[in-house]
C-alpha atoms as a PDB file:
ATOM      1  CA  MET A   1       0.945  24.503  -1.972  1.00  0.00           C
ATOM      2  CA  SER A   2      -1.731  21.812  -2.190  1.00  0.00           C
ATOM      3  CA  GLN A   3      -0.722  18.308  -3.098  1.00  0.00           C
ATOM      4  CA  PRO A   4      -2.038  16.714  -6.293  1.00  0.00           C
ATOM      5  CA  ALA A   5      -4.348  13.722  -6.359  1.00  0.00           C
ATOM      6  CA  PRO A   6      -2.653  10.319  -6.781  1.00  0.00           C
ATOM      7  CA  LYS A   7      -2.225   9.187 -10.384  1.00  0.00           C
ATOM      8  CA  LEU A   8      -0.574   5.939  -9.402  1.00  0.00           C
ATOM      9  CA  VAL A   9      -1.405   3.583  -6.440  1.00  0.00           C
ATOM     10  CA  VAL A  10       1.154   0.967  -5.843  1.00  0.00           C
ATOM     11  CA  GLY A  11       0.494  -2.062  -3.653  1.00  0.00           C
ATOM     12  CA  LEU A  12       3.598  -3.785  -2.408  1.00  0.00           C
ATOM     13  CA  GLY A  13       3.988  -7.531  -2.024  1.00  0.00           C
ATOM     14  CA  ASN A  14       5.656 -10.657  -3.366  1.00  0.00           C
ATOM     15  CA  PRO A  15       4.398 -12.507  -6.481  1.00  0.00           C
ATOM     16  CA  GLY A  16       3.406 -16.136  -6.373  1.00  0.00           C
ATOM     17  CA  SER A  17       0.640 -18.147  -4.616  1.00  0.00           C
ATOM     18  CA  GLU A  18       2.975 -19.154  -1.788  1.00  0.00           C
ATOM     19  CA  TYR A  19       3.140 -15.473  -0.686  1.00  0.00           C
ATOM     20  CA  ALA A  20      -0.482 -14.524  -1.436  1.00  0.00           C
ATOM     21  CA  GLU A  21      -1.759 -14.765   2.172  1.00  0.00           C
ATOM     22  CA  THR A  22       1.411 -13.457   3.932  1.00  0.00           C
ATOM     23  CA  ARG A  23       1.560 -10.230   5.973  1.00  0.00           C
ATOM     24  CA  HIS A  24       4.122  -8.713   3.559  1.00  0.00           C
ATOM     25  CA  ASN A  25       1.394  -8.660   0.854  1.00  0.00           C
ATOM     26  CA  ALA A  26      -0.946  -6.230   2.607  1.00  0.00           C
ATOM     27  CA  GLY A  27      -0.341  -3.704  -0.186  1.00  0.00           C
ATOM     28  CA  PHE A  28      -1.487  -6.182  -2.813  1.00  0.00           C
ATOM     29  CA  TRP A  29      -4.628  -6.883  -0.772  1.00  0.00           C
ATOM     30  CA  PHE A  30      -5.581  -3.220  -0.802  1.00  0.00           C
ATOM     31  CA  CYS A  31      -4.891  -2.816  -4.581  1.00  0.00           C
ATOM     32  CA  GLU A  32      -7.045  -5.818  -5.371  1.00  0.00           C
ATOM     33  CA  ARG A  33      -9.925  -4.341  -3.389  1.00  0.00           C
ATOM     34  CA  LEU A  34      -9.496  -0.895  -4.964  1.00  0.00           C
ATOM     35  CA  ALA A  35      -9.505  -2.386  -8.491  1.00  0.00           C
ATOM     36  CA  ARG A  36     -12.823  -4.128  -7.754  1.00  0.00           C
ATOM     37  CA  GLU A  37     -14.199  -0.912  -6.296  1.00  0.00           C
ATOM     38  CA  LEU A  38     -13.202   1.132  -9.367  1.00  0.00           C
ATOM     39  CA  GLY A  39     -14.391  -1.550 -11.772  1.00  0.00           C
ATOM     40  CA  THR A  40     -11.088  -2.367 -13.349  1.00  0.00           C
ATOM     41  CA  SER A  41      -8.921  -5.448 -13.522  1.00  0.00           C
ATOM     42  CA  PHE A  42      -5.211  -6.226 -13.585  1.00  0.00           C
ATOM     43  CA  GLY A  43      -3.304  -7.405 -16.598  1.00  0.00           C
ATOM     44  CA  LYS A  44       0.334  -8.473 -16.890  1.00  0.00           C
ATOM     45  CA  GLU A  45       2.527  -5.566 -18.163  1.00  0.00           C
ATOM     46  CA  ALA A  46       5.998  -6.845 -18.985  1.00  0.00           C
ATOM     47  CA  ARG A  47       7.321  -3.330 -19.689  1.00  0.00           C
ATOM     48  CA  PHE A  48       6.365  -2.301 -16.141  1.00  0.00           C
ATOM     49  CA  HIS A  49       7.499  -5.607 -14.527  1.00  0.00           C
ATOM     50  CA  GLY A  50       4.099  -5.959 -12.836  1.00  0.00           C
ATOM     51  CA  LEU A  51       0.350  -6.285 -12.919  1.00  0.00           C
ATOM     52  CA  ALA A  52      -1.257  -3.002 -13.841  1.00  0.00           C
ATOM     53  CA  ALA A  53      -4.833  -1.717 -14.045  1.00  0.00           C
ATOM     54  CA  ASN A  54      -6.066   1.521 -15.521  1.00  0.00           C
ATOM     55  CA  ALA A  55      -9.094   3.106 -13.854  1.00  0.00           C
ATOM     56  CA  ARG A  56      -9.658   5.591 -16.708  1.00  0.00           C
ATOM     57  CA  MET A  57     -12.724   7.280 -15.177  1.00  0.00           C
ATOM     58  CA  ASP A  58     -10.727   7.984 -12.020  1.00  0.00           C
ATOM     59  CA  GLY A  59      -7.538   8.969 -13.848  1.00  0.00           C
ATOM     60  CA  VAL A  60      -5.446   6.540 -11.814  1.00  0.00           C
ATOM     61  CA  TRP A  61      -3.191   3.553 -12.483  1.00  0.00           C
ATOM     62  CA  LEU A  62      -2.940   0.675 -10.059  1.00  0.00           C
ATOM     63  CA  LEU A  63       0.208  -1.345  -9.901  1.00  0.00           C
ATOM     64  CA  MET A  64       1.350  -4.551  -8.119  1.00  0.00           C
ATOM     65  CA  PRO A  65       5.076  -5.065  -8.884  1.00  0.00           C
ATOM     66  CA  GLN A  66       5.970  -8.629  -9.710  1.00  0.00           C
ATOM     67  CA  THR A  67       9.719  -8.137  -9.049  1.00  0.00           C
ATOM     68  CA  PHE A  68       9.703  -9.281  -5.426  1.00  0.00           C
ATOM     69  CA  MET A  69       9.655  -6.776  -2.674  1.00  0.00           C
ATOM     70  CA  ASN A  70      13.295  -5.577  -2.627  1.00  0.00           C
ATOM     71  CA  ARG A  71      13.122  -4.686  -6.350  1.00  0.00           C
ATOM     72  CA  SER A  72       9.804  -2.880  -6.349  1.00  0.00           C
ATOM     73  CA  GLY A  73      11.347   0.348  -7.487  1.00  0.00           C
ATOM     74  CA  GLN A  74      12.149  -1.066 -10.910  1.00  0.00           C
ATOM     75  CA  SER A  75       8.445  -1.544 -11.580  1.00  0.00           C
ATOM     76  CA  VAL A  76       7.268   1.740 -10.075  1.00  0.00           C
ATOM     77  CA  ALA A  77       9.846   3.819 -11.888  1.00  0.00           C
ATOM     78  CA  ALA A  78       9.074   2.135 -15.196  1.00  0.00           C
ATOM     79  CA  LEU A  79       5.323   2.987 -15.088  1.00  0.00           C
ATOM     80  CA  ALA A  80       5.841   6.459 -13.560  1.00  0.00           C
ATOM     81  CA  ARG A  81       8.370   7.492 -16.205  1.00  0.00           C
ATOM     82  CA  PHE A  82       6.315   6.127 -19.056  1.00  0.00           C
ATOM     83  CA  TYR A  83       3.201   8.070 -18.027  1.00  0.00           C
ATOM     84  CA  ARG A  84       5.113  11.084 -16.654  1.00  0.00           C
ATOM     85  CA  ILE A  85       3.745  10.617 -13.146  1.00  0.00           C
ATOM     86  CA  GLU A  86       5.595  12.693 -10.495  1.00  0.00           C
ATOM     87  CA  PRO A  87       6.692  11.120  -7.195  1.00  0.00           C
ATOM     88  CA  ALA A  88       4.160  13.381  -5.339  1.00  0.00           C
ATOM     89  CA  GLU A  89       1.380  11.781  -7.390  1.00  0.00           C
ATOM     90  CA  ILE A  90       2.299   8.273  -6.214  1.00  0.00           C
ATOM     91  CA  LEU A  91       0.661   6.516  -3.262  1.00  0.00           C
ATOM     92  CA  VAL A  92       2.485   3.355  -2.031  1.00  0.00           C
ATOM     93  CA  VAL A  93       0.448   0.998   0.157  1.00  0.00           C
ATOM     94  CA  HIS A  94       2.568  -1.354   2.277  1.00  0.00           C
ATOM     95  CA  ASP A  95       2.702  -3.479   5.451  1.00  0.00           C
ATOM     96  CA  GLU A  96       4.038  -1.773   8.530  1.00  0.00           C
ATOM     97  CA  LEU A  97       5.603  -3.556  11.473  1.00  0.00           C
ATOM     98  CA  ASP A  98       5.542  -0.542  13.846  1.00  0.00           C
ATOM     99  CA  ILE A  99       1.720  -0.233  13.741  1.00  0.00           C
ATOM    100  CA  PRO A 100      -0.679  -2.789  15.313  1.00  0.00           C
ATOM    101  CA  PRO A 101      -3.072  -4.740  13.115  1.00  0.00           C
ATOM    102  CA  GLY A 102      -6.281  -2.729  12.513  1.00  0.00           C
ATOM    103  CA  GLN A 103      -4.474   0.640  12.386  1.00  0.00           C
ATOM    104  CA  LEU A 104      -3.344   2.714   9.367  1.00  0.00           C
ATOM    105  CA  ARG A 105      -1.124   5.725   8.888  1.00  0.00           C
ATOM    106  CA  LEU A 106      -1.115   7.987   5.803  1.00  0.00           C
ATOM    107  CA  LYS A 107       1.971  10.120   5.406  1.00  0.00           C
ATOM    108  CA  PHE A 108       4.004  12.026   2.838  1.00  0.00           C
ATOM    109  CA  GLY A 109       7.729  11.450   2.587  1.00  0.00           C
ATOM    110  CA  GLY A 110       9.797  10.810   5.721  1.00  0.00           C
ATOM    111  CA  GLY A 111      11.744   7.815   6.809  1.00  0.00           C
ATOM    112  CA  LEU A 112      11.592   4.357   5.264  1.00  0.00           C
ATOM    113  CA  GLY A 113      11.360   2.386   8.446  1.00  0.00           C
ATOM    114  CA  GLY A 114      13.763  -0.314   7.115  1.00  0.00           C
ATOM    115  CA  HIS A 115      11.168  -1.382   4.550  1.00  0.00           C
ATOM    116  CA  ASN A 116      12.999  -2.945   1.585  1.00  0.00           C
ATOM    117  CA  GLY A 117      10.244  -2.076  -0.914  1.00  0.00           C
ATOM    118  CA  LEU A 118      10.244   1.599   0.097  1.00  0.00           C
ATOM    119  CA  LYS A 119      14.082   1.667  -0.002  1.00  0.00           C
ATOM    120  CA  ASP A 120      14.135   0.406  -3.594  1.00  0.00           C
ATOM    121  CA  ILE A 121      11.356   2.786  -4.686  1.00  0.00           C
ATOM    122  CA  THR A 122      13.261   5.688  -3.195  1.00  0.00           C
ATOM    123  CA  ALA A 123      16.465   4.577  -4.951  1.00  0.00           C
ATOM    124  CA  HIS A 124      14.739   4.410  -8.348  1.00  0.00           C
ATOM    125  CA  LEU A 125      12.721   7.628  -7.972  1.00  0.00           C
ATOM    126  CA  GLY A 126      15.641   9.529  -6.448  1.00  0.00           C
ATOM    127  CA  THR A 127      13.386  10.969  -3.704  1.00  0.00           C
ATOM    128  CA  GLN A 128      11.455   9.959  -0.562  1.00  0.00           C
ATOM    129  CA  ASP A 129       8.745  12.518  -1.380  1.00  0.00           C
ATOM    130  CA  PHE A 130       5.853  10.193  -2.247  1.00  0.00           C
ATOM    131  CA  TRP A 131       2.763   9.238  -0.292  1.00  0.00           C
ATOM    132  CA  ARG A 132       2.643   6.045   1.755  1.00  0.00           C
ATOM    133  CA  LEU A 133      -0.319   4.326   3.327  1.00  0.00           C
ATOM    134  CA  ARG A 134       1.038   2.097   6.049  1.00  0.00           C
ATOM    135  CA  VAL A 135      -1.100  -0.937   6.883  1.00  0.00           C
ATOM    136  CA  GLY A 136      -0.408  -2.112  10.442  1.00  0.00           C
ATOM    137  CA  ILE A 137       0.566  -5.783  10.759  1.00  0.00           C
ATOM    138  CA  GLY A 138       2.168  -5.659  14.225  1.00  0.00           C
ATOM    139  CA  HIS A 139       5.646  -6.719  15.311  1.00  0.00           C
ATOM    140  CA  PRO A 140       6.795 -10.196  16.422  1.00  0.00           C
ATOM    141  CA  GLY A 141       8.671  -8.529  19.350  1.00  0.00           C
ATOM    142  CA  ASP A 142      12.055  -9.889  18.244  1.00  0.00           C
ATOM    143  CA  ARG A 143      14.024  -8.242  15.432  1.00  0.00           C
ATOM    144  CA  ASN A 144      15.485 -11.617  14.412  1.00  0.00           C
ATOM    145  CA  GLU A 145      11.989 -12.960  13.789  1.00  0.00           C
ATOM    146  CA  VAL A 146      10.888 -10.114  11.427  1.00  0.00           C
ATOM    147  CA  VAL A 147      11.677 -11.936   8.131  1.00  0.00           C
ATOM    148  CA  ASN A 148       9.902 -15.072   9.299  1.00  0.00           C
ATOM    149  CA  PHE A 149       6.946 -12.927  10.561  1.00  0.00           C
ATOM    150  CA  VAL A 150       6.280 -10.903   7.452  1.00  0.00           C
ATOM    151  CA  LEU A 151       6.426 -14.047   5.259  1.00  0.00           C
ATOM    152  CA  LYS A 152       3.731 -15.859   7.265  1.00  0.00           C
ATOM    153  CA  PRO A 153      -0.092 -15.344   7.113  1.00  0.00           C
ATOM    154  CA  PRO A 154      -1.512 -13.331  10.032  1.00  0.00           C
ATOM    155  CA  ARG A 155      -3.383 -15.162  12.754  1.00  0.00           C
ATOM    156  CA  ARG A 156      -7.169 -15.196  12.432  1.00  0.00           C
ATOM    157  CA  GLU A 157      -7.797 -12.329  14.885  1.00  0.00           C
ATOM    158  CA  GLU A 158      -5.068 -10.249  13.207  1.00  0.00           C
ATOM    159  CA  SER A 159      -6.500 -11.033   9.803  1.00  0.00           C
ATOM    160  CA  GLU A 160      -9.912  -9.682  10.821  1.00  0.00           C
ATOM    161  CA  LEU A 161      -8.342  -6.428  12.135  1.00  0.00           C
ATOM    162  CA  ILE A 162      -6.294  -6.034   8.911  1.00  0.00           C
ATOM    163  CA  ASP A 163      -9.338  -6.690   6.751  1.00  0.00           C
ATOM    164  CA  ALA A 164     -11.310  -4.066   8.663  1.00  0.00           C
ATOM    165  CA  SER A 165      -8.518  -1.557   8.221  1.00  0.00           C
ATOM    166  CA  LEU A 166      -8.407  -2.202   4.472  1.00  0.00           C
ATOM    167  CA  ASP A 167     -12.189  -1.641   4.320  1.00  0.00           C
ATOM    168  CA  ARG A 168     -11.677   1.718   6.048  1.00  0.00           C
ATOM    169  CA  ALA A 169      -8.931   2.629   3.602  1.00  0.00           C
ATOM    170  CA  LEU A 170     -11.257   1.875   0.720  1.00  0.00           C
ATOM    171  CA  LEU A 171     -13.969   4.148   2.244  1.00  0.00           C
ATOM    172  CA  ALA A 172     -11.392   6.950   2.361  1.00  0.00           C
ATOM    173  CA  TRP A 173     -10.518   6.557  -1.358  1.00  0.00           C
ATOM    174  CA  PRO A 174     -12.975   9.265  -2.570  1.00  0.00           C
ATOM    175  CA  LEU A 175     -11.108  11.773  -0.336  1.00  0.00           C
ATOM    176  CA  LEU A 176      -7.757  10.673  -1.797  1.00  0.00           C
ATOM    177  CA  ALA A 177      -9.086  10.803  -5.373  1.00  0.00           C
ATOM    178  CA  ARG A 178     -10.003  14.461  -4.965  1.00  0.00           C
ATOM    179  CA  ALA A 179      -6.718  15.280  -3.224  1.00  0.00           C
ATOM    180  CA  ASP A 180      -8.316  15.921   0.145  1.00  0.00           C
ATOM    181  CA  TRP A 181      -5.164  14.661   1.858  1.00  0.00           C
ATOM    182  CA  ASN A 182      -5.985  16.384   5.160  1.00  0.00           C
ATOM    183  CA  GLY A 183      -9.457  14.785   5.288  1.00  0.00           C
ATOM    184  CA  ALA A 184      -8.037  11.397   4.311  1.00  0.00           C
ATOM    185  CA  THR A 185      -5.206  11.634   6.869  1.00  0.00           C
ATOM    186  CA  GLN A 186      -7.626  12.476   9.725  1.00  0.00           C
ATOM    187  CA  ARG A 187      -9.934   9.569   8.750  1.00  0.00           C
ATOM    188  CA  LEU A 188      -7.215   6.997   8.140  1.00  0.00           C
ATOM    189  CA  ASN A 189      -4.950   7.835  11.041  1.00  0.00           C
ATOM    190  CA  ALA A 190      -7.806   7.813  13.571  1.00  0.00           C
ATOM    191  CA  ARG A 191      -7.755   4.751  15.804  1.00  0.00           C
ATOM    192  CA  PRO A 192     -10.659   2.485  15.185  1.00  0.00           C
ATOM    193  CA  ALA A 193     -13.252   2.353  17.936  1.00  0.00           C
ATOM    194  CA  ALA A 194     -12.749  -0.462  20.422  1.00  0.00           C
ATOM    195  CA  PRO A 195     -15.383  -3.190  20.060  1.00  0.00           C
ATOM    196  CA  LYS A 196     -18.171  -2.838  22.580  1.00  0.00           C
ATOM    197  CA  PRO A 197     -18.108  -5.488  25.297  1.00  0.00           C
ATOM    198  CA  VAL A 198     -20.808  -8.106  24.917  1.00  0.00           C
ATOM    199  CA  SER A 199     -23.237  -7.882  27.804  1.00  0.00           C
END
């Protein structure tokens, strides 16, 4: 059975200017770019506990929960239920510690990797069967440093790699929009070419 196209794209992050540049907000960064690409803008939606944008021409909602990361599911479930969007029609974009900066992974369902945003979305939707686009931010190397790490801005070289990966994700959006999940997975999960050495 072929999977439907996404009707809701959720970017995960924390609200507030103090978090805007932090690694944990990679999902917000993608959603902001996608909104610009689709010619729509975010507005505050109290009933959905977040900032929402409706790209009518593309038949997709964009959502950035404003509930803080560990309560993201409250926002996602509110919009999904209101518009009768099924879990399989939801794409959640989030930061991923287990992938180096510059790399992406698109996958359907599966484990939550200890990500508090994904855990809460799963709890509210009652299923893990939704799409995730994992944006690599790298790992500090010490589990005790993880909280500190995700709530800090990436270093300049990491930031450039993450930016480039978000640009690649944006280029793959037309494939996602027409439910070409295989094509999108191949493109997004491919490792970016190594930069050529300067002679």
